Amino acid sequence: MIKKTAYCCLCIIMLVSCSSVQKKNAEPDTTVPASGRAVIPFSYCKTYLPVFTVTDSSGIKLSLAFDSGFTYCAINKNGLKKATGSSKKLLENAIDYCKQQNPGLGENLVKRNAAAMVKQGRMGITVYELHADKFSASSTVFHYEPETAAYDSVDGIVGFSFFGDCKNITIDYRHSVICIDSDTLAGTILPMEKEPIGLYAAKITINGREQTALIDTGAQKFIVRHGYNTDIPELTGEQKQDFIYNKKQHVWVSLPGYKTVTVKYGSVEHKVHAYRSDNILIHASVYGKRTGCVYNLFGWPFFKGRCIQFDFMNKKFVIS
């Protein structure tokens, strides 16, 4: 069910992706799929992000993409139309909010401010009793972001917050399932820490230099930070956070291109193409581009065809 009143909220967006898409691997896989308290099947639906279906108590189905680079849940135009039947109610609630906050404003100005709030993603809805397999969420707050994941088959994007408190989350790209509270995965284990911006990171080496990388399943390309190939010390987590949200610090646009680098995590070593987030061909939000300037983004190129696990209890990230 949908809560019929909306609320005002401020939010950030952390999605880094490219316009090209990946096809689902059609090769047969004979390994045993992961299991857990809940096993949620997913597809790719025009994108490399896992997309799964949830159903609310009234039977409404929403297709949600999962992205570990999101600190919140977002619903787009498709999802809002399914959930409420119209975006008019959201605008009406924004108007009511503006009137409460600024009783002396004229009607026309109130309407303009309310329309801007909706367009800027500062309004949202609460959806109740969402279910997928044995997983259920009693209530989920969605920020309304009209253009987020604006594909015909996707209604919104969710991060870890959607699944609430759990011991671990496993994404099995081999068998296309997301597992909640499964057995500990065997594989390459990396210590995992939560950064000040609310996302999880691990240590990797790039061309022999150890540095921090955000574990971002929404990063279709391997994104390298500015200065990744120098001996200049990384910024602290707090300094990175300040850069991402302080718009006074300019982000330049770079020409298309990539560098081939050697990335090592644990005992595993890969040669991959590395891109800058300010590359003119990289499609990302403002915050996504700024994040990629100060963080390496460790994602899809390393996870495709594998099984990964975010072990929150033991602060470990596992790639199998």
Protein backbone atom coordinates (compact mmCIF):
# COMPACT_ATOMS: atom_id res chain seq x y z
CA MET A 1 0.00 0.00 0.00
CA ILE A 2 1.02 3.61 -0.49
CA LYS A 3 1.00 6.21 2.20
CA LYS A 4 -1.18 8.97 0.78
CA THR A 5 0.87 11.77 2.28
CA ALA A 6 4.31 12.64 0.99
CA TYR A 7 7.17 14.25 2.82
CA CYS A 8 9.98 16.64 2.01
CA CYS A 9 13.51 15.28 2.04
CA LEU A 10 16.97 16.11 0.86
CA CYS A 11 18.94 13.32 -0.76
CA ILE A 12 22.13 12.52 -2.61
CA ILE A 13 22.59 10.37 -5.67
CA MET A 14 25.49 8.01 -6.20
CA LEU A 15 25.11 6.23 -9.52
CA VAL A 16 27.87 5.83 -12.02
CA SER A 17 27.02 4.13 -15.28
CA CYS A 18 27.50 4.29 -19.01
CA SER A 19 25.05 4.40 -21.87
CA SER A 20 26.18 1.05 -23.28
CA VAL A 21 24.52 -2.08 -21.90
CA GLN A 22 25.61 -5.60 -21.04
CA LYS A 23 23.87 -8.77 -22.12
CA LYS A 24 23.16 -11.43 -19.58
CA ASN A 25 25.71 -14.25 -19.78
CA ALA A 26 23.97 -17.10 -21.56
CA GLU A 27 26.66 -19.72 -20.87
CA PRO A 28 25.45 -22.58 -18.66
CA ASP A 29 26.71 -22.65 -15.10
CA THR A 30 26.90 -25.92 -13.20
CA THR A 31 27.86 -24.42 -9.82
CA VAL A 32 25.39 -24.48 -6.95
CA PRO A 33 23.52 -21.17 -6.49
CA ALA A 34 23.78 -19.34 -3.20
CA SER A 35 21.04 -19.82 -0.61
CA GLY A 36 19.84 -17.83 2.40
CA ARG A 37 16.93 -16.52 4.43
CA ALA A 38 15.57 -15.10 1.20
CA VAL A 39 16.62 -15.86 -2.38
CA ILE A 40 15.41 -13.21 -4.82
CA PRO A 41 15.77 -13.89 -8.57
CA PHE A 42 16.77 -11.02 -10.82
CA SER A 43 17.23 -10.16 -14.48
CA TYR A 44 19.24 -7.43 -16.18
CA CYS A 45 16.48 -5.70 -18.19
CA LYS A 46 18.49 -3.48 -20.57
CA THR A 47 21.16 -2.80 -17.96
CA TYR A 48 23.94 -4.55 -16.04
CA LEU A 49 22.28 -3.81 -12.69
CA PRO A 50 20.28 -6.63 -11.04
CA VAL A 51 16.55 -5.93 -11.37
CA PHE A 52 14.08 -7.81 -9.16
CA THR A 53 10.33 -7.65 -8.62
CA VAL A 54 8.54 -6.81 -5.37
CA THR A 55 4.81 -6.92 -4.68
CA ASP A 56 2.88 -4.87 -2.16
CA SER A 57 -0.19 -5.96 -0.18
CA SER A 58 -2.55 -4.68 -2.85
CA GLY A 59 -0.83 -6.66 -5.60
CA ILE A 60 1.08 -3.78 -7.23
CA LYS A 61 4.38 -4.98 -8.69
CA LEU A 62 7.48 -2.80 -8.84
CA SER A 63 10.69 -3.66 -10.69
CA LEU A 64 13.64 -2.39 -8.66
CA ALA A 65 17.31 -2.26 -9.61
CA PHE A 66 19.88 -2.86 -6.85
CA ASP A 67 22.98 -0.66 -6.65
CA SER A 68 25.44 -0.76 -3.74
CA GLY A 69 26.39 2.81 -4.69
CA PHE A 70 22.99 4.07 -3.47
CA THR A 71 22.55 5.12 0.15
CA TYR A 72 18.76 5.30 -0.18
CA CYS A 73 15.80 4.15 -2.31
CA ALA A 74 14.56 6.08 -5.34
CA ILE A 75 11.41 5.73 -7.42
CA ASN A 76 11.09 7.12 -10.96
CA LYS A 77 8.17 8.20 -13.14
CA ASN A 78 7.30 4.60 -14.01
CA GLY A 79 7.23 3.54 -10.37
CA LEU A 80 5.28 6.55 -9.14
CA LYS A 81 2.58 5.98 -11.75
CA LYS A 82 2.26 2.33 -10.71
CA ALA A 83 2.29 3.11 -7.00
CA THR A 84 -0.10 6.06 -6.95
CA GLY A 85 -1.69 6.15 -10.39
CA SER A 86 -0.60 9.76 -10.85
CA SER A 87 2.05 12.31 -9.88
CA LYS A 88 -0.63 14.89 -9.03
CA LYS A 89 -0.86 13.78 -5.42
CA LEU A 90 2.87 14.34 -4.96
CA LEU A 91 2.53 17.91 -6.26
CA GLU A 92 -0.49 18.55 -4.03
CA ASN A 93 1.50 17.41 -0.99
CA ALA A 94 4.42 19.62 -2.00
CA ILE A 95 2.05 22.60 -2.23
CA ASP A 96 0.68 21.84 1.24
CA TYR A 97 4.23 21.60 2.61
CA CYS A 98 5.24 24.94 1.05
CA LYS A 99 2.17 26.63 2.49
CA GLN A 100 2.98 25.30 5.96
CA GLN A 101 6.61 26.43 5.76
CA ASN A 102 5.89 29.83 4.20
CA PRO A 103 2.37 30.99 5.15
CA GLY A 104 2.88 34.44 3.63
CA LEU A 105 3.86 33.35 0.11
CA GLY A 106 1.51 34.07 -2.78
CA GLU A 107 -0.28 31.20 -4.46
CA ASN A 108 1.70 31.36 -7.72
CA LEU A 109 5.05 31.35 -5.91
CA VAL A 110 3.93 28.47 -3.73
CA LYS A 111 3.04 26.44 -6.82
CA ARG A 112 6.38 27.22 -8.48
CA ASN A 113 8.32 26.24 -5.36
CA ALA A 114 6.29 23.04 -5.00
CA ALA A 115 6.85 22.09 -8.65
CA ALA A 116 10.59 22.68 -8.20
CA MET A 117 10.65 20.44 -5.11
CA VAL A 118 9.06 17.60 -7.03
CA LYS A 119 11.35 18.04 -10.04
CA GLN A 120 14.47 18.18 -7.86
CA GLY A 121 13.61 14.93 -6.08
CA ARG A 122 12.88 16.53 -2.74
CA MET A 123 9.58 14.75 -2.30
CA GLY A 124 8.86 11.10 -1.74
CA ILE A 125 6.39 8.39 -0.88
CA THR A 126 6.23 5.56 1.62
CA VAL A 127 5.31 2.13 0.29
CA TYR A 128 4.08 -0.50 2.74
CA GLU A 129 4.43 -4.29 2.85
CA LEU A 130 6.74 -5.04 -0.06
CA HIS A 131 7.54 -8.73 -0.58
CA ALA A 132 10.00 -10.74 -2.66
CA ASP A 133 10.46 -14.48 -1.97
CA LYS A 134 10.70 -14.71 1.86
CA PHE A 135 11.90 -11.15 2.22
CA SER A 136 9.47 -8.47 3.35
CA ALA A 137 9.79 -4.76 4.10
CA SER A 138 7.07 -3.35 6.33
CA SER A 139 7.61 0.18 5.00
CA THR A 140 10.02 1.70 2.50
CA VAL A 141 10.67 5.39 1.94
CA PHE A 142 11.32 6.22 -1.72
CA HIS A 143 12.73 9.55 -2.90
CA TYR A 144 10.99 10.61 -6.08
CA GLU A 145 13.60 11.07 -8.83
CA PRO A 146 11.81 11.25 -12.20
CA GLU A 147 14.79 10.33 -14.40
CA THR A 148 16.59 7.81 -12.17
CA ALA A 149 16.93 4.47 -13.99
CA ALA A 150 14.37 5.71 -16.48
CA TYR A 151 14.09 2.48 -18.43
CA ASP A 152 10.69 1.09 -19.44
CA SER A 153 11.15 -2.01 -17.31
CA VAL A 154 12.61 -0.39 -14.16
CA ASP A 155 10.58 1.51 -11.56
CA GLY A 156 13.39 2.62 -9.25
CA ILE A 157 16.73 1.87 -7.63
CA VAL A 158 17.45 0.65 -4.11
CA GLY A 159 20.58 0.35 -2.00
CA PHE A 160 21.35 -1.68 1.11
CA SER A 161 18.86 0.33 3.17
CA PHE A 162 16.02 -1.44 1.36
CA PHE A 163 16.93 -4.77 2.96
CA GLY A 164 17.17 -3.41 6.50
CA ASP A 165 19.34 -5.07 9.13
CA CYS A 166 20.93 -8.28 7.90
CA LYS A 167 24.16 -10.21 8.39
CA ASN A 168 25.11 -10.27 4.75
CA ILE A 169 23.90 -9.75 1.20
CA THR A 170 25.12 -11.99 -1.61
CA ILE A 171 24.77 -11.18 -5.30
CA ASP A 172 25.16 -14.32 -7.38
CA TYR A 173 25.73 -13.09 -10.92
CA ARG A 174 26.16 -16.70 -12.13
CA HIS A 175 22.64 -17.74 -11.20
CA SER A 176 20.98 -14.31 -11.13
CA VAL A 177 19.85 -14.29 -7.50
CA ILE A 178 20.26 -11.92 -4.55
CA CYS A 179 20.50 -13.79 -1.25
CA ILE A 180 19.84 -12.37 2.20
CA ASP A 181 21.70 -13.89 5.18
CA SER A 182 23.31 -16.77 3.31
CA ASP A 183 26.24 -18.89 4.48
CA THR A 184 29.63 -17.22 4.44
CA LEU A 185 30.99 -17.25 0.92
CA ALA A 186 34.35 -18.83 0.17
CA GLY A 187 36.65 -16.85 -2.09
CA THR A 188 38.93 -13.81 -2.09
CA ILE A 189 38.28 -11.89 1.12
CA LEU A 190 38.86 -8.16 1.49
CA PRO A 191 38.41 -6.17 4.71
CA MET A 192 35.46 -3.80 4.24
CA GLU A 193 34.83 -0.46 5.93
CA LYS A 194 31.98 2.03 5.77
CA GLU A 195 33.09 5.42 4.48
CA PRO A 196 31.78 8.77 5.83
CA ILE A 197 29.57 9.12 2.72
CA GLY A 198 27.72 5.96 3.81
CA LEU A 199 29.11 3.53 1.21
CA TYR A 200 31.40 0.53 1.66
CA ALA A 201 35.03 0.43 0.57
CA ALA A 202 37.98 -1.95 0.41
CA LYS A 203 41.70 -1.68 -0.27
CA ILE A 204 43.05 -2.59 -3.70
CA THR A 205 46.30 -1.87 -5.50
CA ILE A 206 46.51 -0.10 -8.85
CA ASN A 207 49.85 -0.40 -10.64
CA GLY A 208 51.37 -1.46 -7.32
CA ARG A 209 49.97 1.42 -5.26
CA GLU A 210 47.55 0.52 -2.46
CA GLN A 211 44.46 2.73 -2.29
CA THR A 212 40.81 2.86 -1.34
CA ALA A 213 38.03 1.79 -3.71
CA LEU A 214 34.28 2.06 -3.20
CA ILE A 215 32.55 -1.27 -3.81
CA ASP A 216 30.02 -0.03 -6.34
CA THR A 217 27.90 -2.55 -8.23
CA GLY A 218 26.51 0.41 -10.15
CA ALA A 219 29.90 1.24 -11.71
CA GLN A 220 29.82 -0.30 -15.18
CA LYS A 221 33.38 0.82 -15.87
CA PHE A 222 36.41 0.76 -13.57
CA ILE A 223 36.69 4.39 -12.49
CA VAL A 224 40.00 5.71 -11.15
CA ARG A 225 40.38 8.75 -8.94
CA HIS A 226 42.51 11.76 -9.76
CA GLY A 227 46.11 11.03 -8.73
CA TYR A 228 45.65 7.23 -8.64
CA ASN A 229 49.00 6.71 -10.38
CA THR A 230 51.06 9.11 -8.24
CA ASP A 231 52.54 9.04 -4.76
CA ILE A 232 50.34 11.93 -3.62
CA PRO A 233 48.53 10.74 -0.46
CA GLU A 234 44.79 10.10 -0.70
CA LEU A 235 42.42 12.52 0.95
CA THR A 236 40.87 11.45 4.23
CA GLY A 237 37.29 10.17 4.22
CA GLU A 238 36.08 13.49 5.61
CA GLN A 239 38.01 15.45 2.97
CA LYS A 240 36.52 13.28 0.22
CA GLN A 241 33.05 13.85 1.62
CA ASP A 242 33.64 17.60 1.61
CA PHE A 243 34.83 17.52 -2.02
CA ILE A 244 31.79 15.52 -3.16
CA TYR A 245 29.24 17.88 -1.60
CA ASN A 246 31.13 21.18 -1.83
CA LYS A 247 30.18 22.43 -5.30
CA LYS A 248 32.66 25.31 -5.06
CA GLN A 249 35.40 22.88 -6.07
CA HIS A 250 35.17 22.57 -9.85
CA VAL A 251 35.18 19.26 -11.75
CA TRP A 252 36.67 19.49 -15.24
CA VAL A 253 35.44 17.50 -18.21
CA SER A 254 38.04 15.19 -19.80
CA LEU A 255 38.17 13.79 -23.31
CA PRO A 256 37.17 10.19 -24.10
CA GLY A 257 39.82 7.57 -23.44
CA TYR A 258 41.13 5.07 -20.93
CA LYS A 259 44.34 3.71 -19.46
CA THR A 260 45.20 0.03 -19.08
CA VAL A 261 46.12 -0.63 -15.46
CA THR A 262 46.97 -3.60 -13.28
CA VAL A 263 44.55 -4.05 -10.39
CA LYS A 264 45.19 -6.46 -7.54
CA TYR A 265 42.74 -7.40 -4.80
CA GLY A 266 43.79 -10.11 -2.39
CA SER A 267 45.84 -12.55 -4.45
CA VAL A 268 43.89 -11.87 -7.66
CA GLU A 269 45.40 -9.67 -10.35
CA HIS A 270 43.72 -8.21 -13.46
CA LYS A 271 44.63 -5.89 -16.29
CA VAL A 272 41.63 -3.66 -16.97
CA HIS A 273 40.69 -0.44 -18.72
CA ALA A 274 40.50 2.47 -16.29
CA TYR A 275 38.35 5.54 -16.91
CA ARG A 276 38.02 8.92 -15.25
CA SER A 277 34.58 9.85 -13.98
CA ASP A 278 34.81 13.24 -15.69
CA ASN A 279 35.22 11.48 -19.05
CA ILE A 280 32.71 13.13 -21.37
CA LEU A 281 31.28 9.71 -22.33
CA ILE A 282 30.65 8.58 -18.74
CA HIS A 283 26.98 9.10 -17.86
CA ALA A 284 26.69 9.91 -14.16
CA SER A 285 25.04 12.28 -11.74
CA VAL A 286 26.95 15.34 -10.55
CA TYR A 287 27.63 13.59 -7.26
CA GLY A 288 28.65 10.42 -9.09
CA LYS A 289 31.25 12.29 -11.13
CA ARG A 290 32.56 14.09 -8.05
CA THR A 291 32.75 10.82 -6.13
CA GLY A 292 34.78 9.26 -8.95
CA CYS A 293 37.28 12.13 -8.70
CA VAL A 294 38.30 11.17 -5.15
CA TYR A 295 37.41 7.45 -5.00
CA ASN A 296 38.25 4.53 -7.24
CA LEU A 297 35.00 2.73 -8.13
CA PHE A 298 35.37 -1.05 -7.97
CA GLY A 299 32.44 -2.65 -9.76
CA TRP A 300 31.03 -4.58 -12.71
CA PRO A 301 34.28 -5.40 -14.58
CA PHE A 302 35.42 -7.41 -11.53
CA PHE A 303 32.03 -8.90 -10.57
CA LYS A 304 30.61 -10.04 -13.91
CA GLY A 305 30.02 -13.79 -13.92
CA ARG A 306 31.03 -14.10 -10.26
CA CYS A 307 29.43 -14.28 -6.85
CA ILE A 308 30.06 -11.46 -4.34
CA GLN A 309 29.11 -11.02 -0.71
CA PHE A 310 28.88 -8.00 1.58
CA ASP A 311 29.46 -9.48 5.04
CA PHE A 312 28.36 -6.68 7.36
CA MET A 313 28.78 -8.68 10.57
CA ASN A 314 32.44 -9.51 9.92
CA LYS A 315 33.24 -6.39 7.87
CA LYS A 316 34.38 -8.41 4.88
CA PHE A 317 33.79 -8.31 1.14
CA VAL A 318 34.10 -11.63 -0.69
CA ILE A 319 34.51 -12.33 -4.40
CA SER A 320 34.06 -15.93 -5.53
